[in-house]
């Protein structure tokens, strides 16, 4: 299944949608990012995406797809 998130990975894609296949997500976690906390979606192909949504929001979206 696919979820729609808000990409915050780099300045060229800020606030743009990113669609991620939940079957490819290895982990979702928070990390400190320039004085704040960022939500990171890490995929099995070793790509990671910083997204605007909170950790709880992403986990809820994933669980709703299952």
PDB file of N, CA and C in Angstrom:
ATOM      1  N   UNK A   1       0.831  -1.179   0.000  1.00  0.00           N
ATOM      2  CA  UNK A   1       0.000   0.000   0.000  1.00  0.00           C
ATOM      3  C   UNK A   1       0.878   1.247   0.000  1.00  0.00           C
ATOM      4  N   UNK A   2       0.307   2.331  -0.448  1.00  0.00           N
ATOM      5  CA  UNK A   2       1.033   3.594  -0.580  1.00  0.00           C
ATOM      6  C   UNK A   2       0.460   4.621   0.408  1.00  0.00           C
ATOM      7  N   UNK A   3       1.365   5.356   1.066  1.00  0.00           N
ATOM      8  CA  UNK A   3       0.941   6.471   1.904  1.00  0.00           C
ATOM      9  C   UNK A   3       1.537   7.758   1.346  1.00  0.00           C
ATOM     10  N   UNK A   4       0.827   8.845   1.546  1.00  0.00           N
ATOM     11  CA  UNK A   4       1.277  10.155   1.085  1.00  0.00           C
ATOM     12  C   UNK A   4       1.807  10.928   2.283  1.00  0.00           C
ATOM     13  N   UNK A   5       3.058  11.372   2.176  1.00  0.00           N
ATOM     14  CA  UNK A   5       3.693  12.151   3.220  1.00  0.00           C
ATOM     15  C   UNK A   5       4.198  13.465   2.631  1.00  0.00           C
ATOM     16  N   UNK A   6       4.705  14.346   3.483  1.00  0.00           N
ATOM     17  CA  UNK A   6       5.227  15.632   3.035  1.00  0.00           C
ATOM     18  C   UNK A   6       6.738  15.615   3.145  1.00  0.00           C
ATOM     19  N   UNK A   7       7.410  15.726   2.016  1.00  0.00           N
ATOM     20  CA  UNK A   7       8.854  15.616   1.930  1.00  0.00           C
ATOM     21  C   UNK A   7       9.540  16.848   2.513  1.00  0.00           C
ATOM     22  N   UNK A   8      10.471  16.633   3.418  1.00  0.00           N
ATOM     23  CA  UNK A   8      11.269  17.705   4.009  1.00  0.00           C
ATOM     24  C   UNK A   8      12.757  17.361   3.925  1.00  0.00           C
ATOM     25  N   UNK A   9      13.124  16.492   2.991  1.00  0.00           N
ATOM     26  CA  UNK A   9      14.480  15.951   2.920  1.00  0.00           C
ATOM     27  C   UNK A   9      15.541  16.956   2.501  1.00  0.00           C
ATOM     28  N   UNK A  10      15.213  17.862   1.583  1.00  0.00           N
ATOM     29  CA  UNK A  10      16.178  18.881   1.194  1.00  0.00           C
ATOM     30  C   UNK A  10      15.444  20.095   0.641  1.00  0.00           C
ATOM     31  N   UNK A  11      16.120  21.229   0.530  1.00  0.00           N
ATOM     32  CA  UNK A  11      15.448  22.475   0.131  1.00  0.00           C
ATOM     33  C   UNK A  11      14.740  22.424  -1.219  1.00  0.00           C
ATOM     34  N   UNK A  12      15.177  21.581  -2.114  1.00  0.00           N
ATOM     35  CA  UNK A  12      14.559  21.508  -3.442  1.00  0.00           C
ATOM     36  C   UNK A  12      13.184  20.849  -3.439  1.00  0.00           C
ATOM     37  N   UNK A  13      12.861  20.130  -2.385  1.00  0.00           N
ATOM     38  CA  UNK A  13      11.592  19.390  -2.358  1.00  0.00           C
ATOM     39  C   UNK A  13      10.735  19.706  -1.129  1.00  0.00           C
ATOM     40  N   UNK A  14      11.057  20.762  -0.420  1.00  0.00           N
ATOM     41  CA  UNK A  14      10.303  21.100   0.788  1.00  0.00           C
ATOM     42  C   UNK A  14       8.823  21.221   0.494  1.00  0.00           C
ATOM     43  N   UNK A  15       8.041  20.613   1.345  1.00  0.00           N
ATOM     44  CA  UNK A  15       6.575  20.673   1.293  1.00  0.00           C
ATOM     45  C   UNK A  15       5.961  19.976   0.088  1.00  0.00           C
ATOM     46  N   UNK A  16       6.738  19.219  -0.662  1.00  0.00           N
ATOM     47  CA  UNK A  16       6.179  18.493  -1.801  1.00  0.00           C
ATOM     48  C   UNK A  16       5.748  17.104  -1.327  1.00  0.00           C
ATOM     49  N   UNK A  17       4.704  16.560  -1.926  1.00  0.00           N
ATOM     50  CA  UNK A  17       4.266  15.230  -1.514  1.00  0.00           C
ATOM     51  C   UNK A  17       5.261  14.153  -1.933  1.00  0.00           C
ATOM     52  N   UNK A  18       5.345  13.131  -1.109  1.00  0.00           N
ATOM     53  CA  UNK A  18       6.129  11.947  -1.441  1.00  0.00           C
ATOM     54  C   UNK A  18       5.240  10.748  -1.139  1.00  0.00           C
ATOM     55  N   UNK A  19       5.192   9.822  -2.052  1.00  0.00           N
ATOM     56  CA  UNK A  19       4.367   8.622  -1.914  1.00  0.00           C
ATOM     57  C   UNK A  19       5.298   7.446  -1.659  1.00  0.00           C
ATOM     58  N   UNK A  20       5.093   6.764  -0.549  1.00  0.00           N
ATOM     59  CA  UNK A  20       5.977   5.673  -0.140  1.00  0.00           C
ATOM     60  C   UNK A  20       5.172   4.393   0.008  1.00  0.00           C
ATOM     61  N   UNK A  21       5.689   3.335  -0.579  1.00  0.00           N
ATOM     62  CA  UNK A  21       5.078   2.014  -0.478  1.00  0.00           C
ATOM     63  C   UNK A  21       5.381   1.471   0.923  1.00  0.00           C
ATOM     64  N   UNK A  22       4.355   1.211   1.703  1.00  0.00           N
ATOM     65  CA  UNK A  22       4.555   0.756   3.085  1.00  0.00           C
ATOM     66  C   UNK A  22       5.246  -0.604   3.162  1.00  0.00           C
ATOM     67  N   UNK A  23       5.182  -1.386   2.089  1.00  0.00           N
ATOM     68  CA  UNK A  23       5.879  -2.674   2.077  1.00  0.00           C
ATOM     69  C   UNK A  23       7.398  -2.502   2.022  1.00  0.00           C
ATOM     70  N   UNK A  24       7.872  -1.303   1.713  1.00  0.00           N
ATOM     71  CA  UNK A  24       9.303  -1.042   1.579  1.00  0.00           C
ATOM     72  C   UNK A  24       9.881  -0.311   2.783  1.00  0.00           C
ATOM     73  N   UNK A  25       9.045  -0.009   3.767  1.00  0.00           N
ATOM     74  CA  UNK A  25       9.515   0.706   4.956  1.00  0.00           C
ATOM     75  C   UNK A  25      10.148  -0.272   5.929  1.00  0.00           C
ATOM     76  N   UNK A  26      11.402   0.008   6.295  1.00  0.00           N
ATOM     77  CA  UNK A  26      12.105  -0.823   7.270  1.00  0.00           C
ATOM     78  C   UNK A  26      11.906  -0.287   8.689  1.00  0.00           C
ATOM     79  N   UNK A  27      11.914   1.055   8.821  1.00  0.00           N
ATOM     80  CA  UNK A  27      11.719   1.654  10.136  1.00  0.00           C
ATOM     81  C   UNK A  27      11.276   3.103  10.001  1.00  0.00           C
ATOM     82  N   UNK A  28      10.675   3.586  11.069  1.00  0.00           N
ATOM     83  CA  UNK A  28      10.279   4.990  11.186  1.00  0.00           C
ATOM     84  C   UNK A  28      10.749   5.436  12.556  1.00  0.00           C
ATOM     85  N   UNK A  29      11.451   6.569  12.598  1.00  0.00           N
ATOM     86  CA  UNK A  29      11.994   7.011  13.876  1.00  0.00           C
ATOM     87  C   UNK A  29      12.158   8.525  13.881  1.00  0.00           C
ATOM     88  N   UNK A  30      12.447   9.059  15.062  1.00  0.00           N
ATOM     89  CA  UNK A  30      12.708  10.487  15.205  1.00  0.00           C
ATOM     90  C   UNK A  30      14.186  10.683  15.482  1.00  0.00           C
ATOM     91  N   UNK A  31      14.721  11.814  14.986  1.00  0.00           N
ATOM     92  CA  UNK A  31      16.098  12.186  15.308  1.00  0.00           C
ATOM     93  C   UNK A  31      16.183  13.705  15.414  1.00  0.00           C
ATOM     94  N   UNK A  32      17.175  14.149  16.133  1.00  0.00           N
ATOM     95  CA  UNK A  32      17.381  15.586  16.283  1.00  0.00           C
ATOM     96  C   UNK A  32      17.886  16.144  14.956  1.00  0.00           C
ATOM     97  N   UNK A  33      17.305  17.285  14.571  1.00  0.00           N
ATOM     98  CA  UNK A  33      17.652  17.897  13.295  1.00  0.00           C
ATOM     99  C   UNK A  33      17.684  19.410  13.471  1.00  0.00           C
ATOM    100  N   UNK A  34      18.886  19.968  13.616  1.00  0.00           N
ATOM    101  CA  UNK A  34      19.063  21.419  13.753  1.00  0.00           C
ATOM    102  C   UNK A  34      18.203  22.006  14.866  1.00  0.00           C
ATOM    103  N   UNK A  35      18.273  21.430  16.036  1.00  0.00           N
ATOM    104  CA  UNK A  35      17.557  21.959  17.189  1.00  0.00           C
ATOM    105  C   UNK A  35      16.121  21.523  17.336  1.00  0.00           C
ATOM    106  N   UNK A  36      15.612  20.751  16.392  1.00  0.00           N
ATOM    107  CA  UNK A  36      14.245  20.247  16.502  1.00  0.00           C
ATOM    108  C   UNK A  36      14.272  18.736  16.292  1.00  0.00           C
ATOM    109  N   UNK A  37      13.104  18.143  16.266  1.00  0.00           N
ATOM    110  CA  UNK A  37      12.999  16.699  16.058  1.00  0.00           C
ATOM    111  C   UNK A  37      12.379  16.457  14.682  1.00  0.00           C
ATOM    112  N   UNK A  38      13.002  15.557  13.922  1.00  0.00           N
ATOM    113  CA  UNK A  38      12.507  15.227  12.588  1.00  0.00           C
ATOM    114  C   UNK A  38      12.074  13.775  12.551  1.00  0.00           C
ATOM    115  N   UNK A  39      11.043  13.490  11.772  1.00  0.00           N
ATOM    116  CA  UNK A  39      10.591  12.116  11.566  1.00  0.00           C
ATOM    117  C   UNK A  39      11.275  11.583  10.314  1.00  0.00           C
ATOM    118  N   UNK A  40      11.879  10.412  10.440  1.00  0.00           N
ATOM    119  CA  UNK A  40      12.608   9.795   9.337  1.00  0.00           C
ATOM    120  C   UNK A  40      11.942   8.479   8.965  1.00  0.00           C
ATOM    121  N   UNK A  41      11.710   8.290   7.663  1.00  0.00           N
ATOM    122  CA  UNK A  41      11.205   7.025   7.140  1.00  0.00           C
ATOM    123  C   UNK A  41      12.368   6.374   6.414  1.00  0.00           C
ATOM    124  N   UNK A  42      12.798   5.223   6.903  1.00  0.00           N
ATOM    125  CA  UNK A  42      13.931   4.502   6.336  1.00  0.00           C
ATOM    126  C   UNK A  42      13.405   3.289   5.582  1.00  0.00           C
ATOM    127  N   UNK A  43      13.799   3.151   4.332  1.00  0.00           N
ATOM    128  CA  UNK A  43      13.280   2.075   3.486  1.00  0.00           C
ATOM    129  C   UNK A  43      14.304   0.962   3.295  1.00  0.00           C
ATOM    130  N   UNK A  44      13.845  -0.198   2.856  1.00  0.00           N
ATOM    131  CA  UNK A  44      14.700  -1.367   2.709  1.00  0.00           C
ATOM    132  C   UNK A  44      15.772  -1.190   1.641  1.00  0.00           C
ATOM    133  N   UNK A  45      15.603  -0.238   0.730  1.00  0.00           N
ATOM    134  CA  UNK A  45      16.616   0.012  -0.293  1.00  0.00           C
ATOM    135  C   UNK A  45      17.648   1.032   0.174  1.00  0.00           C
ATOM    136  N   UNK A  46      17.676   1.302   1.469  1.00  0.00           N
ATOM    137  CA  UNK A  46      18.622   2.203   2.136  1.00  0.00           C
ATOM    138  C   UNK A  46      18.366   3.678   1.874  1.00  0.00           C
ATOM    139  N   UNK A  47      17.253   4.038   1.270  1.00  0.00           N
ATOM    140  CA  UNK A  47      16.858   5.437   1.150  1.00  0.00           C
ATOM    141  C   UNK A  47      16.170   5.856   2.429  1.00  0.00           C
ATOM    142  N   UNK A  48      16.377   7.099   2.810  1.00  0.00           N
ATOM    143  CA  UNK A  48      15.657   7.638   3.958  1.00  0.00           C
ATOM    144  C   UNK A  48      15.053   8.969   3.577  1.00  0.00           C
ATOM    145  N   UNK A  49      13.908   9.248   4.161  1.00  0.00           N
ATOM    146  CA  UNK A  49      13.158  10.454   3.861  1.00  0.00           C
ATOM    147  C   UNK A  49      12.805  11.151   5.156  1.00  0.00           C
ATOM    148  N   UNK A  50      13.100  12.436   5.242  1.00  0.00           N
ATOM    149  CA  UNK A  50      12.643  13.245   6.364  1.00  0.00           C
ATOM    150  C   UNK A  50      11.289  13.796   5.947  1.00  0.00           C
ATOM    151  N   UNK A  51      10.306  13.607   6.810  1.00  0.00           N
ATOM    152  CA  UNK A  51       8.943  14.024   6.472  1.00  0.00           C
ATOM    153  C   UNK A  51       8.396  14.973   7.534  1.00  0.00           C
ATOM    154  N   UNK A  52       7.410  15.749   7.131  1.00  0.00           N
ATOM    155  CA  UNK A  52       6.795  16.732   8.029  1.00  0.00           C
ATOM    156  C   UNK A  52       5.929  16.078   9.100  1.00  0.00           C
ATOM    157  N   UNK A  53       5.288  14.975   8.777  1.00  0.00           N
ATOM    158  CA  UNK A  53       4.370  14.314   9.699  1.00  0.00           C
ATOM    159  C   UNK A  53       5.124  13.786  10.928  1.00  0.00           C
ATOM    160  N   UNK A  54       4.416  13.718  12.032  1.00  0.00           N
ATOM    161  CA  UNK A  54       5.018  13.203  13.261  1.00  0.00           C
ATOM    162  C   UNK A  54       5.177  11.684  13.181  1.00  0.00           C
ATOM    163  N   UNK A  55       5.982  11.156  14.071  1.00  0.00           N
ATOM    164  CA  UNK A  55       6.170   9.711  14.150  1.00  0.00           C
ATOM    165  C   UNK A  55       4.834   9.006  14.341  1.00  0.00           C
ATOM    166  N   UNK A  56       4.007   9.524  15.248  1.00  0.00           N
ATOM    167  CA  UNK A  56       2.705   8.900  15.511  1.00  0.00           C
ATOM    168  C   UNK A  56       1.798   8.929  14.283  1.00  0.00           C
ATOM    169  N   UNK A  57       1.826  10.028  13.531  1.00  0.00           N
ATOM    170  CA  UNK A  57       1.003  10.120  12.320  1.00  0.00           C
ATOM    171  C   UNK A  57       1.425   9.087  11.280  1.00  0.00           C
ATOM    172  N   UNK A  58       2.737   8.943  11.085  1.00  0.00           N
ATOM    173  CA  UNK A  58       3.229   7.985  10.091  1.00  0.00           C
ATOM    174  C   UNK A  58       2.877   6.562  10.503  1.00  0.00           C
ATOM    175  N   UNK A  59       3.070   6.235  11.760  1.00  0.00           N
ATOM    176  CA  UNK A  59       2.740   4.889  12.246  1.00  0.00           C
ATOM    177  C   UNK A  59       1.245   4.623  12.083  1.00  0.00           C
ATOM    178  N   UNK A  60       0.408   5.615  12.381  1.00  0.00           N
ATOM    179  CA  UNK A  60      -1.039   5.455  12.203  1.00  0.00           C
ATOM    180  C   UNK A  60      -1.371   5.187  10.733  1.00  0.00           C
ATOM    181  N   UNK A  61      -0.769   5.935   9.823  1.00  0.00           N
ATOM    182  CA  UNK A  61      -1.016   5.727   8.397  1.00  0.00           C
ATOM    183  C   UNK A  61      -0.614   4.321   7.953  1.00  0.00           C
ATOM    184  N   UNK A  62       0.526   3.872   8.423  1.00  0.00           N
ATOM    185  CA  UNK A  62       0.999   2.522   8.072  1.00  0.00           C
ATOM    186  C   UNK A  62       0.019   1.485   8.599  1.00  0.00           C
ATOM    187  N   UNK A  63      -0.386   1.621   9.850  1.00  0.00           N
ATOM    188  CA  UNK A  63      -1.310   0.646  10.453  1.00  0.00           C
ATOM    189  C   UNK A  63      -2.663   0.634   9.769  1.00  0.00           C
ATOM    190  N   UNK A  64      -3.117   1.784   9.283  1.00  0.00           N
ATOM    191  CA  UNK A  64      -4.398   1.830   8.585  1.00  0.00           C
ATOM    192  C   UNK A  64      -4.341   1.104   7.250  1.00  0.00           C
ATOM    193  N   UNK A  65      -3.174   0.971   6.684  1.00  0.00           N
ATOM    194  CA  UNK A  65      -3.021   0.301   5.379  1.00  0.00           C
ATOM    195  C   UNK A  65      -2.990  -1.225   5.526  1.00  0.00           C
ATOM    196  N   UNK A  66      -2.750  -1.713   6.696  1.00  0.00           N
ATOM    197  CA  UNK A  66      -2.582  -3.165   6.881  1.00  0.00           C
ATOM    198  C   UNK A  66      -3.901  -3.832   7.163  1.00  0.00           C
TER     199      UNK A  66
END
